[in-house]
C-alpha atoms as a PDB file:
ATOM      1  CA  UNK A   1      21.334 -54.069 -71.163  1.00  0.00           C
ATOM      2  CA  UNK A   2      21.482 -56.481 -74.182  1.00  0.00           C
ATOM      3  CA  UNK A   3      24.832 -57.215 -75.904  1.00  0.00           C
ATOM      4  CA  UNK A   4      23.527 -55.374 -78.992  1.00  0.00           C
ATOM      5  CA  UNK A   5      23.097 -52.027 -77.090  1.00  0.00           C
ATOM      6  CA  UNK A   6      25.982 -49.644 -76.452  1.00  0.00           C
ATOM      7  CA  UNK A   7      26.517 -47.811 -73.318  1.00  0.00           C
ATOM      8  CA  UNK A   8      25.487 -44.195 -73.079  1.00  0.00           C
ATOM      9  CA  UNK A   9      28.844 -42.325 -72.976  1.00  0.00           C
ATOM     10  CA  UNK A  10      29.204 -39.372 -70.554  1.00  0.00           C
ATOM     11  CA  UNK A  11      31.790 -36.787 -69.830  1.00  0.00           C
ATOM     12  CA  UNK A  12      31.715 -34.804 -66.619  1.00  0.00           C
ATOM     13  CA  UNK A  13      33.327 -31.393 -66.617  1.00  0.00           C
ATOM     14  CA  UNK A  14      33.664 -29.497 -63.257  1.00  0.00           C
ATOM     15  CA  UNK A  15      36.566 -27.867 -61.453  1.00  0.00           C
ATOM     16  CA  UNK A  16      35.617 -29.529 -58.191  1.00  0.00           C
ATOM     17  CA  UNK A  17      36.970 -33.039 -57.914  1.00  0.00           C
ATOM     18  CA  UNK A  18      34.309 -34.018 -55.354  1.00  0.00           C
ATOM     19  CA  UNK A  19      31.526 -33.041 -57.702  1.00  0.00           C
ATOM     20  CA  UNK A  20      33.004 -35.136 -60.514  1.00  0.00           C
ATOM     21  CA  UNK A  21      33.560 -38.166 -58.385  1.00  0.00           C
ATOM     22  CA  UNK A  22      30.007 -37.871 -56.904  1.00  0.00           C
ATOM     23  CA  UNK A  23      28.441 -37.717 -60.210  1.00  0.00           C
ATOM     24  CA  UNK A  24      30.575 -40.543 -61.653  1.00  0.00           C
ATOM     25  CA  UNK A  25      29.678 -42.793 -58.754  1.00  0.00           C
ATOM     26  CA  UNK A  26      25.943 -42.126 -59.234  1.00  0.00           C
ATOM     27  CA  UNK A  27      26.022 -42.645 -62.952  1.00  0.00           C
ATOM     28  CA  UNK A  28      28.200 -45.705 -63.013  1.00  0.00           C
ATOM     29  CA  UNK A  29      25.805 -47.579 -60.690  1.00  0.00           C
ATOM     30  CA  UNK A  30      23.363 -47.391 -63.536  1.00  0.00           C
ATOM     31  CA  UNK A  31      23.601 -50.172 -66.185  1.00  0.00           C
ATOM     32  CA  UNK A  32      24.059 -48.826 -69.656  1.00  0.00           C
ATOM     33  CA  UNK A  33      25.814 -45.478 -68.643  1.00  0.00           C
ATOM     34  CA  UNK A  34      29.568 -45.212 -68.898  1.00  0.00           C
ATOM     35  CA  UNK A  35      31.481 -42.097 -67.753  1.00  0.00           C
ATOM     36  CA  UNK A  36      34.319 -42.008 -70.234  1.00  0.00           C
ATOM     37  CA  UNK A  37      36.188 -38.920 -68.972  1.00  0.00           C
ATOM     38  CA  UNK A  38      36.342 -36.202 -66.413  1.00  0.00           C
ATOM     39  CA  UNK A  39      37.473 -32.617 -67.135  1.00  0.00           C
ATOM     40  CA  UNK A  40      38.649 -29.892 -64.682  1.00  0.00           C
ATOM     41  CA  UNK A  41      38.038 -26.991 -66.990  1.00  0.00           C
ATOM     42  CA  UNK A  42      36.439 -26.141 -70.327  1.00  0.00           C
ATOM     43  CA  UNK A  43      39.539 -26.747 -72.489  1.00  0.00           C
ATOM     44  CA  UNK A  44      39.824 -30.302 -71.077  1.00  0.00           C
ATOM     45  CA  UNK A  45      36.104 -30.741 -71.744  1.00  0.00           C
ATOM     46  CA  UNK A  46      36.374 -29.701 -75.352  1.00  0.00           C
ATOM     47  CA  UNK A  47      39.367 -31.972 -75.931  1.00  0.00           C
ATOM     48  CA  UNK A  48      37.543 -34.931 -74.250  1.00  0.00           C
ATOM     49  CA  UNK A  49      34.460 -34.422 -76.488  1.00  0.00           C
ATOM     50  CA  UNK A  50      36.641 -34.333 -79.700  1.00  0.00           C
ATOM     51  CA  UNK A  51      38.543 -37.418 -78.621  1.00  0.00           C
ATOM     52  CA  UNK A  52      35.769 -39.559 -77.134  1.00  0.00           C
ATOM     53  CA  UNK A  53      32.557 -38.545 -78.800  1.00  0.00           C
ATOM     54  CA  UNK A  54      30.175 -38.842 -75.830  1.00  0.00           C
ATOM     55  CA  UNK A  55      26.459 -38.614 -75.997  1.00  0.00           C
ATOM     56  CA  UNK A  56      26.107 -36.240 -73.029  1.00  0.00           C
ATOM     57  CA  UNK A  57      28.361 -33.730 -71.345  1.00  0.00           C
ATOM     58  CA  UNK A  58      27.605 -32.500 -67.813  1.00  0.00           C
ATOM     59  CA  UNK A  59      29.196 -29.043 -67.962  1.00  0.00           C
ATOM     60  CA  UNK A  60      29.894 -26.751 -65.025  1.00  0.00           C
ATOM     61  CA  UNK A  61      29.321 -23.051 -65.869  1.00  0.00           C
ATOM     62  CA  UNK A  62      32.087 -21.572 -63.725  1.00  0.00           C
ATOM     63  CA  UNK A  63      35.502 -23.150 -64.470  1.00  0.00           C
ATOM     64  CA  UNK A  64      39.072 -21.765 -64.775  1.00  0.00           C
ATOM     65  CA  UNK A  65      40.873 -21.262 -68.086  1.00  0.00           C
ATOM     66  CA  UNK A  66      37.701 -21.678 -70.189  1.00  0.00           C
ATOM     67  CA  UNK A  67      34.204 -21.464 -68.666  1.00  0.00           C
ATOM     68  CA  UNK A  68      31.407 -23.875 -69.476  1.00  0.00           C
ATOM     69  CA  UNK A  69      29.650 -21.412 -71.718  1.00  0.00           C
ATOM     70  CA  UNK A  70      32.615 -21.004 -74.126  1.00  0.00           C
ATOM     71  CA  UNK A  71      33.246 -24.683 -73.907  1.00  0.00           C
ATOM     72  CA  UNK A  72      29.714 -25.369 -75.020  1.00  0.00           C
ATOM     73  CA  UNK A  73      29.967 -22.917 -77.892  1.00  0.00           C
ATOM     74  CA  UNK A  74      33.067 -24.698 -79.159  1.00  0.00           C
ATOM     75  CA  UNK A  75      31.564 -28.153 -78.777  1.00  0.00           C
ATOM     76  CA  UNK A  76      28.445 -27.008 -80.763  1.00  0.00           C
ATOM     77  CA  UNK A  77      30.619 -25.172 -83.354  1.00  0.00           C
ATOM     78  CA  UNK A  78      32.588 -28.421 -83.849  1.00  0.00           C
ATOM     79  CA  UNK A  79      29.307 -30.112 -84.932  1.00  0.00           C
ATOM     80  CA  UNK A  80      29.525 -32.705 -82.109  1.00  0.00           C
ATOM     81  CA  UNK A  81      26.486 -34.854 -81.809  1.00  0.00           C
ATOM     82  CA  UNK A  82      26.534 -34.848 -77.976  1.00  0.00           C
ATOM     83  CA  UNK A  83      24.107 -32.967 -75.791  1.00  0.00           C
ATOM     84  CA  UNK A  84      25.387 -30.448 -73.196  1.00  0.00           C
ATOM     85  CA  UNK A  85      23.697 -30.143 -69.798  1.00  0.00           C
ATOM     86  CA  UNK A  86      24.897 -27.210 -67.713  1.00  0.00           C
ATOM     87  CA  UNK A  87      25.509 -27.708 -64.034  1.00  0.00           C
ATOM     88  CA  UNK A  88      25.085 -24.923 -61.589  1.00  0.00           C
ATOM     89  CA  UNK A  89      24.880 -24.368 -57.819  1.00  0.00           C
ATOM     90  CA  UNK A  90      22.359 -21.500 -58.235  1.00  0.00           C
ATOM     91  CA  UNK A  91      19.289 -20.984 -60.408  1.00  0.00           C
ATOM     92  CA  UNK A  92      20.768 -17.777 -62.000  1.00  0.00           C
ATOM     93  CA  UNK A  93      18.534 -16.892 -64.959  1.00  0.00           C
ATOM     94  CA  UNK A  94      21.172 -15.046 -66.915  1.00  0.00           C
ATOM     95  CA  UNK A  95      23.540 -17.929 -66.855  1.00  0.00           C
ATOM     96  CA  UNK A  96      20.837 -20.405 -67.855  1.00  0.00           C
ATOM     97  CA  UNK A  97      19.717 -18.258 -70.854  1.00  0.00           C
ATOM     98  CA  UNK A  98      23.305 -17.653 -71.988  1.00  0.00           C
ATOM     99  CA  UNK A  99      23.854 -21.503 -71.739  1.00  0.00           C
ATOM    100  CA  UNK A 100      20.763 -22.133 -73.895  1.00  0.00           C
ATOM    101  CA  UNK A 101      21.899 -19.585 -76.470  1.00  0.00           C
ATOM    102  CA  UNK A 102      25.378 -21.259 -76.458  1.00  0.00           C
ATOM    103  CA  UNK A 103      23.748 -24.529 -77.487  1.00  0.00           C
ATOM    104  CA  UNK A 104      23.050 -26.344 -74.228  1.00  0.00           C
ATOM    105  CA  UNK A 105      20.138 -28.749 -73.994  1.00  0.00           C
ATOM    106  CA  UNK A 106      19.178 -27.779 -70.492  1.00  0.00           C
ATOM    107  CA  UNK A 107      20.602 -27.418 -67.012  1.00  0.00           C
ATOM    108  CA  UNK A 108      20.669 -29.126 -63.616  1.00  0.00           C
ATOM    109  CA  UNK A 109      21.321 -27.891 -60.147  1.00  0.00           C
ATOM    110  CA  UNK A 110      24.255 -29.626 -58.558  1.00  0.00           C
ATOM    111  CA  UNK A 111      22.235 -30.827 -55.622  1.00  0.00           C
ATOM    112  CA  UNK A 112      20.066 -32.892 -57.970  1.00  0.00           C
ATOM    113  CA  UNK A 113      18.941 -36.221 -56.565  1.00  0.00           C
ATOM    114  CA  UNK A 114      20.742 -39.434 -57.907  1.00  0.00           C
ATOM    115  CA  UNK A 115      17.413 -40.569 -59.442  1.00  0.00           C
ATOM    116  CA  UNK A 116      16.937 -37.237 -61.259  1.00  0.00           C
ATOM    117  CA  UNK A 117      20.539 -37.117 -62.462  1.00  0.00           C
ATOM    118  CA  UNK A 118      20.226 -40.519 -64.096  1.00  0.00           C
ATOM    119  CA  UNK A 119      16.802 -39.692 -65.615  1.00  0.00           C
ATOM    120  CA  UNK A 120      18.101 -36.361 -66.878  1.00  0.00           C
ATOM    121  CA  UNK A 121      21.058 -37.940 -68.710  1.00  0.00           C
ATOM    122  CA  UNK A 122      18.806 -40.502 -70.399  1.00  0.00           C
ATOM    123  CA  UNK A 123      16.310 -37.841 -71.305  1.00  0.00           C
ATOM    124  CA  UNK A 124      18.833 -35.459 -72.905  1.00  0.00           C
ATOM    125  CA  UNK A 125      20.589 -38.371 -74.756  1.00  0.00           C
ATOM    126  CA  UNK A 126      17.052 -39.206 -76.208  1.00  0.00           C
ATOM    127  CA  UNK A 127      16.675 -35.696 -77.458  1.00  0.00           C
ATOM    128  CA  UNK A 128      14.415 -34.191 -74.855  1.00  0.00           C
ATOM    129  CA  UNK A 129      15.047 -30.929 -73.181  1.00  0.00           C
ATOM    130  CA  UNK A 130      15.715 -30.312 -69.524  1.00  0.00           C
ATOM    131  CA  UNK A 131      13.567 -27.182 -69.119  1.00  0.00           C
ATOM    132  CA  UNK A 132      10.493 -26.886 -66.934  1.00  0.00           C
ATOM    133  CA  UNK A 133       7.680 -24.741 -68.511  1.00  0.00           C
ATOM    134  CA  UNK A 134       7.803 -22.290 -65.591  1.00  0.00           C
ATOM    135  CA  UNK A 135      11.551 -21.742 -66.113  1.00  0.00           C
ATOM    136  CA  UNK A 136      11.076 -21.343 -69.895  1.00  0.00           C
ATOM    137  CA  UNK A 137       8.522 -18.680 -69.404  1.00  0.00           C
ATOM    138  CA  UNK A 138      10.550 -16.803 -66.837  1.00  0.00           C
ATOM    139  CA  UNK A 139      13.604 -16.880 -68.964  1.00  0.00           C
ATOM    140  CA  UNK A 140      11.865 -15.687 -72.059  1.00  0.00           C
ATOM    141  CA  UNK A 141      10.021 -12.869 -70.327  1.00  0.00           C
ATOM    142  CA  UNK A 142      13.301 -11.551 -68.753  1.00  0.00           C
ATOM    143  CA  UNK A 143      15.639 -11.983 -71.770  1.00  0.00           C
ATOM    144  CA  UNK A 144      13.799 -11.978 -74.996  1.00  0.00           C
ATOM    145  CA  UNK A 145      13.077  -8.500 -76.288  1.00  0.00           C
ATOM    146  CA  UNK A 146      10.706  -8.055 -79.149  1.00  0.00           C
ATOM    147  CA  UNK A 147      12.417  -6.739 -82.267  1.00  0.00           C
ATOM    148  CA  UNK A 148      11.326  -3.179 -83.191  1.00  0.00           C
ATOM    149  CA  UNK A 149       9.243  -2.767 -86.256  1.00  0.00           C
ATOM    150  CA  UNK A 150       7.004  -5.256 -88.011  1.00  0.00           C
ATOM    151  CA  UNK A 151       7.449  -8.921 -87.154  1.00  0.00           C
ATOM    152  CA  UNK A 152       9.479 -10.795 -89.802  1.00  0.00           C
ATOM    153  CA  UNK A 153       9.023 -14.543 -90.060  1.00  0.00           C
ATOM    154  CA  UNK A 154      12.191 -16.292 -91.116  1.00  0.00           C
ATOM    155  CA  UNK A 155      12.045 -18.222 -94.318  1.00  0.00           C
ATOM    156  CA  UNK A 156      12.619 -21.496 -92.479  1.00  0.00           C
ATOM    157  CA  UNK A 157       9.619 -20.870 -90.169  1.00  0.00           C
ATOM    158  CA  UNK A 158       7.499 -20.105 -93.272  1.00  0.00           C
ATOM    159  CA  UNK A 159       8.385 -23.492 -94.554  1.00  0.00           C
ATOM    160  CA  UNK A 160       6.491 -25.197 -91.650  1.00  0.00           C
ATOM    161  CA  UNK A 161       3.103 -26.619 -92.284  1.00  0.00           C
ATOM    162  CA  UNK A 162       0.156 -25.289 -90.200  1.00  0.00           C
ATOM    163  CA  UNK A 163       0.292 -28.313 -88.034  1.00  0.00           C
ATOM    164  CA  UNK A 164       4.053 -27.940 -87.526  1.00  0.00           C
ATOM    165  CA  UNK A 165       3.711 -24.312 -86.570  1.00  0.00           C
ATOM    166  CA  UNK A 166       0.994 -25.385 -84.022  1.00  0.00           C
ATOM    167  CA  UNK A 167       3.345 -27.994 -82.566  1.00  0.00           C
ATOM    168  CA  UNK A 168       6.256 -25.447 -82.381  1.00  0.00           C
ATOM    169  CA  UNK A 169       4.057 -22.938 -80.585  1.00  0.00           C
ATOM    170  CA  UNK A 170       2.913 -25.467 -78.045  1.00  0.00           C
ATOM    171  CA  UNK A 171       6.521 -26.722 -77.525  1.00  0.00           C
ATOM    172  CA  UNK A 172       7.594 -23.152 -76.868  1.00  0.00           C
ATOM    173  CA  UNK A 173       4.996 -22.963 -74.139  1.00  0.00           C
ATOM    174  CA  UNK A 174       6.690 -25.952 -72.443  1.00  0.00           C
ATOM    175  CA  UNK A 175       4.406 -28.874 -73.371  1.00  0.00           C
ATOM    176  CA  UNK A 176       5.898 -32.380 -73.443  1.00  0.00           C
ATOM    177  CA  UNK A 177       5.318 -34.833 -76.266  1.00  0.00           C
ATOM    178  CA  UNK A 178       2.664 -36.621 -74.298  1.00  0.00           C
ATOM    179  CA  UNK A 179       0.957 -33.337 -73.476  1.00  0.00           C
ATOM    180  CA  UNK A 180       1.140 -32.280 -77.094  1.00  0.00           C
ATOM    181  CA  UNK A 181      -0.437 -35.538 -78.207  1.00  0.00           C
ATOM    182  CA  UNK A 182      -3.327 -35.127 -75.742  1.00  0.00           C
ATOM    183  CA  UNK A 183      -4.014 -31.549 -76.693  1.00  0.00           C
ATOM    184  CA  UNK A 184      -3.894 -32.203 -80.490  1.00  0.00           C
ATOM    185  CA  UNK A 185      -5.521 -35.584 -80.403  1.00  0.00           C
ATOM    186  CA  UNK A 186      -2.557 -37.257 -82.003  1.00  0.00           C
ATOM    187  CA  UNK A 187      -0.557 -40.301 -81.139  1.00  0.00           C
ATOM    188  CA  UNK A 188       2.833 -39.958 -79.386  1.00  0.00           C
ATOM    189  CA  UNK A 189       4.500 -41.358 -82.564  1.00  0.00           C
ATOM    190  CA  UNK A 190       2.916 -38.622 -84.795  1.00  0.00           C
ATOM    191  CA  UNK A 191       3.962 -35.856 -82.416  1.00  0.00           C
ATOM    192  CA  UNK A 192       7.605 -37.145 -82.369  1.00  0.00           C
ATOM    193  CA  UNK A 193       7.443 -37.178 -86.290  1.00  0.00           C
ATOM    194  CA  UNK A 194       6.261 -33.513 -86.258  1.00  0.00           C
ATOM    195  CA  UNK A 195       8.923 -32.497 -83.747  1.00  0.00           C
ATOM    196  CA  UNK A 196      11.581 -34.277 -85.831  1.00  0.00           C
ATOM    197  CA  UNK A 197      10.501 -32.381 -88.955  1.00  0.00           C
ATOM    198  CA  UNK A 198      10.429 -29.099 -87.231  1.00  0.00           C
ATOM    199  CA  UNK A 199      13.984 -29.526 -85.985  1.00  0.00           C
ATOM    200  CA  UNK A 200      15.157 -30.678 -89.381  1.00  0.00           C
ATOM    201  CA  UNK A 201      13.464 -27.770 -91.352  1.00  0.00           C
ATOM    202  CA  UNK A 202      14.751 -25.124 -88.899  1.00  0.00           C
ATOM    203  CA  UNK A 203      18.218 -26.858 -88.700  1.00  0.00           C
ATOM    204  CA  UNK A 204      17.968 -26.942 -84.818  1.00  0.00           C
ATOM    205  CA  UNK A 205      19.727 -29.354 -82.433  1.00  0.00           C
ATOM    206  CA  UNK A 206      16.885 -29.989 -80.046  1.00  0.00           C
ATOM    207  CA  UNK A 207      13.723 -28.646 -78.382  1.00  0.00           C
ATOM    208  CA  UNK A 208      15.441 -25.963 -76.370  1.00  0.00           C
ATOM    209  CA  UNK A 209      16.827 -24.360 -79.516  1.00  0.00           C
ATOM    210  CA  UNK A 210      13.236 -24.572 -81.027  1.00  0.00           C
ATOM    211  CA  UNK A 211      11.725 -22.789 -77.898  1.00  0.00           C
ATOM    212  CA  UNK A 212      14.294 -19.936 -78.134  1.00  0.00           C
ATOM    213  CA  UNK A 213      13.786 -19.462 -81.866  1.00  0.00           C
ATOM    214  CA  UNK A 214       9.970 -19.445 -81.457  1.00  0.00           C
ATOM    215  CA  UNK A 215      10.193 -16.550 -79.056  1.00  0.00           C
ATOM    216  CA  UNK A 216      13.030 -14.650 -80.622  1.00  0.00           C
ATOM    217  CA  UNK A 217      11.233 -14.705 -84.097  1.00  0.00           C
ATOM    218  CA  UNK A 218       7.982 -13.527 -82.532  1.00  0.00           C
ATOM    219  CA  UNK A 219       6.176 -16.762 -83.339  1.00  0.00           C
ATOM    220  CA  UNK A 220       5.261 -16.922 -79.651  1.00  0.00           C
ATOM    221  CA  UNK A 221       4.961 -13.818 -77.587  1.00  0.00           C
ATOM    222  CA  UNK A 222       5.989 -13.624 -73.904  1.00  0.00           C
ATOM    223  CA  UNK A 223       2.821 -13.897 -71.802  1.00  0.00           C
ATOM    224  CA  UNK A 224       1.338 -16.820 -73.707  1.00  0.00           C
ATOM    225  CA  UNK A 225       0.000 -15.427 -76.935  1.00  0.00           C
ATOM    226  CA  UNK A 226       1.306 -16.206 -80.557  1.00  0.00           C
ATOM    227  CA  UNK A 227       1.711 -14.022 -83.599  1.00  0.00           C
ATOM    228  CA  UNK A 228      -0.459 -16.440 -85.520  1.00  0.00           C
END
């Protein structure tokens, strides 16, 4: 890391000290990542974020006093620029979906490999989402219910250009930037610009929120279709 770059600041929130220590040891072997605090519950996590302004929070879902979902909601409500990644020992769909609705940028199982953990922290800090397409589809099909009556397109979605709507629909189906670029015959830089404009117009934090909105507004229909 050059002297002009700042370290990527991380807070680890988990009620199990062994988990916190293990993750800290893994992350701090990596140049350019600095674990600035540990928290044993959600209240401590919220205070650490307010005080230290990290780029990424690794947040356990089940913790005493305040769980990870409520802590995430408070961090997002505070307008913090950090990204929250939920930690779980089980791939429980309802928790994952609740975490995404709360404002999390993805989730990791606690038995993640060291290499995947480091890559995940860097990915989320760069604005990418930690959500595999298969998980996205399963979550959406289980938890998103079509609204009764005629589909209503929110004003913000209506402000998107035809190309931006196309990019949003493909994002919602789980395509990465490189996959979007290949399918739409665009450069990676152009795709990144489209994604940034979509997030800005829709006032969204990241790609995960864009995926949830695309399904909940009916822009994309579970099963792979779109509402046009």
